[in-house]
């Protein structure tokens, strides 16, 4: 390995093994990029700034699951009146019990 290549692969920020949200830093790739693994098992690459500035806290799979959970809990409690689902064209409305209370 040449000296210049060895110099590039030094983890200057020392992030290997640390957790940022659901991401765990696995290894340093180079040029400020790290291999990361989400708690759910998904693997990706993230820049140092994305991790340290908390721009990326989890993988897209976990984010979608979290948004779906929030949407479902709002639907059950009748929050927001009319609410259009992001993933379909269906329109949901307030429960009948909520209208009877007014």
N, C-alpha and C. Protein backbone atom coordinates (compact mmCIF):
# COMPACT_ATOMS: atom_id res chain seq x y z
N UNK A 1 0.85 -1.18 0.00
CA UNK A 1 0.00 0.00 0.00
C UNK A 1 0.90 1.24 0.00
N UNK A 2 0.58 2.20 -0.81
CA UNK A 2 1.40 3.42 -0.88
C UNK A 2 1.11 4.32 0.31
N UNK A 3 2.05 5.20 0.59
CA UNK A 3 1.89 6.10 1.74
C UNK A 3 0.68 7.01 1.58
N UNK A 4 0.45 7.50 0.36
CA UNK A 4 -0.69 8.41 0.16
C UNK A 4 -2.02 7.69 0.40
N UNK A 5 -2.14 6.43 0.00
CA UNK A 5 -3.36 5.67 0.22
C UNK A 5 -3.55 5.38 1.70
N UNK A 6 -2.48 5.03 2.40
CA UNK A 6 -2.56 4.78 3.84
C UNK A 6 -3.02 6.04 4.57
N UNK A 7 -2.51 7.19 4.15
CA UNK A 7 -2.86 8.45 4.78
C UNK A 7 -4.34 8.77 4.61
N UNK A 8 -4.92 8.43 3.45
CA UNK A 8 -6.33 8.71 3.18
C UNK A 8 -7.25 7.84 4.03
N UNK A 9 -6.84 6.61 4.38
CA UNK A 9 -7.70 5.68 5.08
C UNK A 9 -7.66 5.84 6.59
N UNK A 10 -6.93 6.82 7.11
CA UNK A 10 -6.91 7.06 8.54
C UNK A 10 -8.21 7.74 8.94
N UNK A 11 -8.87 7.18 9.94
CA UNK A 11 -10.13 7.72 10.44
C UNK A 11 -9.82 8.92 11.33
N UNK A 12 -9.79 10.10 10.74
CA UNK A 12 -9.40 11.31 11.48
C UNK A 12 -10.42 11.71 12.54
N UNK A 13 -11.68 11.38 12.31
CA UNK A 13 -12.73 11.80 13.23
C UNK A 13 -12.96 10.77 14.35
N UNK A 14 -12.42 9.58 14.19
CA UNK A 14 -12.58 8.54 15.20
C UNK A 14 -14.01 8.12 15.44
N UNK A 15 -14.80 7.99 14.38
CA UNK A 15 -16.22 7.66 14.51
C UNK A 15 -16.50 6.16 14.49
N UNK A 16 -15.54 5.35 14.10
CA UNK A 16 -15.78 3.90 14.00
C UNK A 16 -16.23 3.34 15.33
N UNK A 17 -17.35 2.60 15.31
CA UNK A 17 -17.90 1.99 16.50
C UNK A 17 -18.90 2.86 17.24
N UNK A 18 -19.02 4.13 16.89
CA UNK A 18 -19.95 5.04 17.58
C UNK A 18 -21.34 4.95 16.97
N UNK A 19 -22.36 5.33 17.78
CA UNK A 19 -23.75 5.33 17.33
C UNK A 19 -24.24 6.75 17.11
N UNK A 20 -25.00 6.92 16.04
CA UNK A 20 -25.66 8.19 15.72
C UNK A 20 -27.10 7.85 15.39
N UNK A 21 -28.00 8.09 16.33
CA UNK A 21 -29.39 7.68 16.14
C UNK A 21 -29.45 6.16 16.10
N UNK A 22 -29.97 5.62 15.01
CA UNK A 22 -30.01 4.16 14.84
C UNK A 22 -28.82 3.64 14.06
N UNK A 23 -27.99 4.54 13.53
CA UNK A 23 -26.81 4.14 12.77
C UNK A 23 -25.66 3.78 13.71
N UNK A 24 -24.94 2.72 13.39
CA UNK A 24 -23.69 2.37 14.04
C UNK A 24 -22.61 2.43 12.97
N UNK A 25 -21.54 3.18 13.23
CA UNK A 25 -20.45 3.31 12.26
C UNK A 25 -19.64 2.02 12.28
N UNK A 26 -19.52 1.38 11.11
CA UNK A 26 -18.81 0.11 10.99
C UNK A 26 -17.35 0.33 10.64
N UNK A 27 -17.11 1.12 9.59
CA UNK A 27 -15.73 1.34 9.17
C UNK A 27 -15.62 2.62 8.36
N UNK A 28 -14.38 3.08 8.22
CA UNK A 28 -14.09 4.28 7.44
C UNK A 28 -13.77 3.85 6.02
N UNK A 29 -14.41 4.48 5.03
CA UNK A 29 -14.18 4.16 3.63
C UNK A 29 -13.10 5.05 3.06
N UNK A 30 -13.13 6.32 3.40
CA UNK A 30 -12.19 7.30 2.89
C UNK A 30 -12.93 8.53 2.42
N UNK A 31 -12.22 9.64 2.31
CA UNK A 31 -12.77 10.91 1.84
C UNK A 31 -13.99 11.34 2.67
N UNK A 32 -13.96 11.11 3.98
CA UNK A 32 -15.05 11.55 4.85
C UNK A 32 -16.30 10.71 4.76
N UNK A 33 -16.20 9.47 4.29
CA UNK A 33 -17.35 8.59 4.12
C UNK A 33 -17.16 7.35 4.99
N UNK A 34 -18.26 6.92 5.63
CA UNK A 34 -18.23 5.76 6.51
C UNK A 34 -19.26 4.73 6.08
N UNK A 35 -18.93 3.44 6.30
CA UNK A 35 -19.92 2.37 6.19
C UNK A 35 -20.68 2.35 7.51
N UNK A 36 -22.01 2.32 7.43
CA UNK A 36 -22.84 2.33 8.63
C UNK A 36 -23.87 1.20 8.56
N UNK A 37 -24.35 0.79 9.73
CA UNK A 37 -25.39 -0.23 9.79
C UNK A 37 -26.49 0.25 10.71
N UNK A 38 -27.72 0.15 10.25
CA UNK A 38 -28.88 0.54 11.05
C UNK A 38 -29.21 -0.57 12.04
N UNK A 39 -29.92 -0.24 13.09
CA UNK A 39 -30.33 -1.24 14.09
C UNK A 39 -31.16 -2.36 13.46
N UNK A 40 -31.88 -2.06 12.38
CA UNK A 40 -32.70 -3.07 11.71
C UNK A 40 -31.88 -3.99 10.81
N UNK A 41 -30.61 -3.64 10.57
CA UNK A 41 -29.73 -4.49 9.76
C UNK A 41 -29.35 -3.91 8.42
N UNK A 42 -30.03 -2.88 7.95
CA UNK A 42 -29.70 -2.28 6.67
C UNK A 42 -28.31 -1.63 6.74
N UNK A 43 -27.56 -1.74 5.65
CA UNK A 43 -26.20 -1.21 5.58
C UNK A 43 -26.16 -0.10 4.54
N UNK A 44 -25.39 0.95 4.82
CA UNK A 44 -25.27 2.05 3.88
C UNK A 44 -23.97 2.80 4.09
N UNK A 45 -23.80 3.88 3.36
CA UNK A 45 -22.64 4.75 3.52
C UNK A 45 -23.14 6.15 3.82
N UNK A 46 -22.47 6.83 4.73
CA UNK A 46 -22.85 8.19 5.11
C UNK A 46 -21.61 9.05 5.24
N UNK A 47 -21.77 10.32 4.90
CA UNK A 47 -20.68 11.28 5.07
C UNK A 47 -20.56 11.66 6.54
N UNK A 48 -19.37 12.11 6.92
CA UNK A 48 -19.12 12.53 8.29
C UNK A 48 -20.11 13.58 8.73
N UNK A 49 -20.38 14.58 7.87
CA UNK A 49 -21.28 15.66 8.25
C UNK A 49 -22.71 15.19 8.44
N UNK A 50 -23.15 14.18 7.68
CA UNK A 50 -24.50 13.65 7.85
C UNK A 50 -24.66 13.03 9.23
N UNK A 51 -23.61 12.38 9.71
CA UNK A 51 -23.67 11.73 11.02
C UNK A 51 -23.51 12.73 12.15
N UNK A 52 -22.49 13.56 12.08
CA UNK A 52 -22.19 14.47 13.19
C UNK A 52 -23.20 15.60 13.33
N UNK A 53 -23.82 16.03 12.23
CA UNK A 53 -24.83 17.09 12.29
C UNK A 53 -26.24 16.54 12.43
N UNK A 54 -26.35 15.23 12.65
CA UNK A 54 -27.64 14.54 12.86
C UNK A 54 -28.59 14.71 11.67
N UNK A 55 -28.06 14.78 10.47
CA UNK A 55 -28.91 14.87 9.27
C UNK A 55 -29.51 13.53 8.92
N UNK A 56 -28.81 12.46 9.27
CA UNK A 56 -29.31 11.11 9.00
C UNK A 56 -29.28 10.33 10.30
N UNK A 57 -30.46 9.94 10.78
CA UNK A 57 -30.56 9.25 12.07
C UNK A 57 -30.93 7.77 11.91
N UNK A 58 -31.44 7.40 10.73
CA UNK A 58 -31.90 6.03 10.51
C UNK A 58 -32.02 5.77 9.02
N UNK A 59 -32.18 4.50 8.66
CA UNK A 59 -32.32 4.14 7.25
C UNK A 59 -33.73 4.51 6.77
N UNK A 60 -33.92 4.49 5.46
CA UNK A 60 -35.21 4.84 4.87
C UNK A 60 -36.30 3.85 5.29
N UNK A 61 -35.94 2.59 5.46
CA UNK A 61 -36.90 1.57 5.88
C UNK A 61 -37.47 1.91 7.27
N UNK A 62 -36.59 2.24 8.20
CA UNK A 62 -37.04 2.59 9.56
C UNK A 62 -37.82 3.90 9.56
N UNK A 63 -37.42 4.85 8.73
CA UNK A 63 -38.13 6.13 8.64
C UNK A 63 -39.56 5.93 8.14
N UNK A 64 -39.72 5.12 7.09
CA UNK A 64 -41.06 4.83 6.57
C UNK A 64 -41.92 4.13 7.61
N UNK A 65 -41.32 3.18 8.33
CA UNK A 65 -42.04 2.45 9.37
C UNK A 65 -42.48 3.41 10.48
N UNK A 66 -41.61 4.35 10.86
CA UNK A 66 -41.94 5.33 11.89
C UNK A 66 -43.06 6.26 11.43
N UNK A 67 -42.99 6.73 10.18
CA UNK A 67 -44.04 7.60 9.66
C UNK A 67 -45.37 6.87 9.57
N UNK A 68 -45.33 5.61 9.19
CA UNK A 68 -46.56 4.82 9.11
C UNK A 68 -47.18 4.66 10.49
N UNK A 69 -46.34 4.45 11.51
CA UNK A 69 -46.83 4.32 12.88
C UNK A 69 -47.49 5.63 13.34
N UNK A 70 -46.86 6.76 13.05
CA UNK A 70 -47.42 8.07 13.43
C UNK A 70 -48.75 8.29 12.73
N UNK A 71 -48.80 7.97 11.43
CA UNK A 71 -50.03 8.14 10.66
C UNK A 71 -51.14 7.28 11.23
N UNK A 72 -50.83 6.01 11.54
CA UNK A 72 -51.84 5.10 12.08
C UNK A 72 -52.34 5.56 13.44
N UNK A 73 -51.46 6.06 14.29
CA UNK A 73 -51.89 6.50 15.62
C UNK A 73 -52.77 7.75 15.51
N UNK A 74 -52.50 8.61 14.54
CA UNK A 74 -53.35 9.79 14.33
C UNK A 74 -54.71 9.38 13.81
N UNK A 75 -54.72 8.37 12.96
CA UNK A 75 -55.99 7.89 12.41
C UNK A 75 -56.87 7.33 13.52
N UNK A 76 -56.26 6.57 14.45
CA UNK A 76 -57.02 5.96 15.53
C UNK A 76 -57.58 7.00 16.48
N UNK A 77 -56.82 8.07 16.70
CA UNK A 77 -57.27 9.08 17.65
C UNK A 77 -58.10 10.18 16.99
N UNK A 78 -58.20 10.19 15.65
CA UNK A 78 -59.01 11.17 14.96
C UNK A 78 -58.38 12.54 14.88
N UNK A 79 -57.09 12.64 15.01
CA UNK A 79 -56.40 13.93 14.95
C UNK A 79 -56.33 14.40 13.50
N UNK A 80 -56.36 15.67 13.28
CA UNK A 80 -56.17 16.33 11.98
C UNK A 80 -57.40 16.37 11.09
N UNK A 81 -58.56 15.97 11.55
CA UNK A 81 -59.74 16.04 10.71
C UNK A 81 -59.58 15.21 9.46
N UNK A 82 -59.71 15.84 8.30
CA UNK A 82 -59.48 15.13 7.05
C UNK A 82 -57.99 14.98 6.84
N UNK A 83 -57.60 13.80 6.45
CA UNK A 83 -56.18 13.54 6.27
C UNK A 83 -56.00 12.65 5.06
N UNK A 84 -55.19 13.08 4.13
CA UNK A 84 -54.92 12.29 2.94
C UNK A 84 -53.67 11.46 3.17
N UNK A 85 -53.76 10.20 2.86
CA UNK A 85 -52.62 9.31 3.02
C UNK A 85 -51.56 9.66 1.99
N UNK A 86 -50.30 9.65 2.39
CA UNK A 86 -49.20 9.95 1.48
C UNK A 86 -49.01 8.84 0.45
N UNK A 87 -49.37 7.61 0.82
CA UNK A 87 -49.10 6.47 -0.04
C UNK A 87 -50.29 6.03 -0.88
N UNK A 88 -51.44 6.65 -0.71
CA UNK A 88 -52.60 6.30 -1.53
C UNK A 88 -53.46 7.53 -1.73
N UNK A 89 -54.46 7.42 -2.55
CA UNK A 89 -55.36 8.54 -2.81
C UNK A 89 -56.58 8.54 -1.90
N UNK A 90 -56.62 7.64 -0.93
CA UNK A 90 -57.77 7.55 -0.03
C UNK A 90 -57.80 8.76 0.90
N UNK A 91 -59.01 9.22 1.20
CA UNK A 91 -59.19 10.33 2.13
C UNK A 91 -59.85 9.77 3.39
N UNK A 92 -59.28 10.10 4.54
CA UNK A 92 -59.79 9.62 5.81
C UNK A 92 -60.43 10.78 6.54
N UNK A 93 -61.44 10.52 7.35
CA UNK A 93 -62.10 11.60 8.08
C UNK A 93 -62.16 11.29 9.56
N UNK A 94 -62.66 12.26 10.33
CA UNK A 94 -62.80 12.11 11.77
C UNK A 94 -63.81 11.01 12.08
N UNK A 95 -63.61 10.34 13.20
CA UNK A 95 -64.55 9.30 13.61
C UNK A 95 -65.92 9.90 13.94
N UNK A 96 -66.96 9.12 13.77
CA UNK A 96 -68.33 9.57 14.03
C UNK A 96 -68.51 10.00 15.48
N UNK A 97 -67.85 9.30 16.42
CA UNK A 97 -67.97 9.63 17.84
C UNK A 97 -67.49 11.05 18.12
N UNK A 98 -66.45 11.49 17.42
CA UNK A 98 -65.91 12.83 17.61
C UNK A 98 -66.92 13.90 17.18
N UNK A 99 -67.68 13.61 16.13
CA UNK A 99 -68.66 14.56 15.66
C UNK A 99 -69.85 14.66 16.64
N UNK A 100 -70.22 13.54 17.26
CA UNK A 100 -71.33 13.53 18.20
C UNK A 100 -71.01 14.33 19.46
N UNK A 101 -69.74 14.44 19.86
CA UNK A 101 -69.34 15.15 21.07
C UNK A 101 -69.52 16.65 20.92
N UNK A 102 -69.46 17.17 19.69
CA UNK A 102 -69.53 18.61 19.47
C UNK A 102 -70.92 19.04 19.54
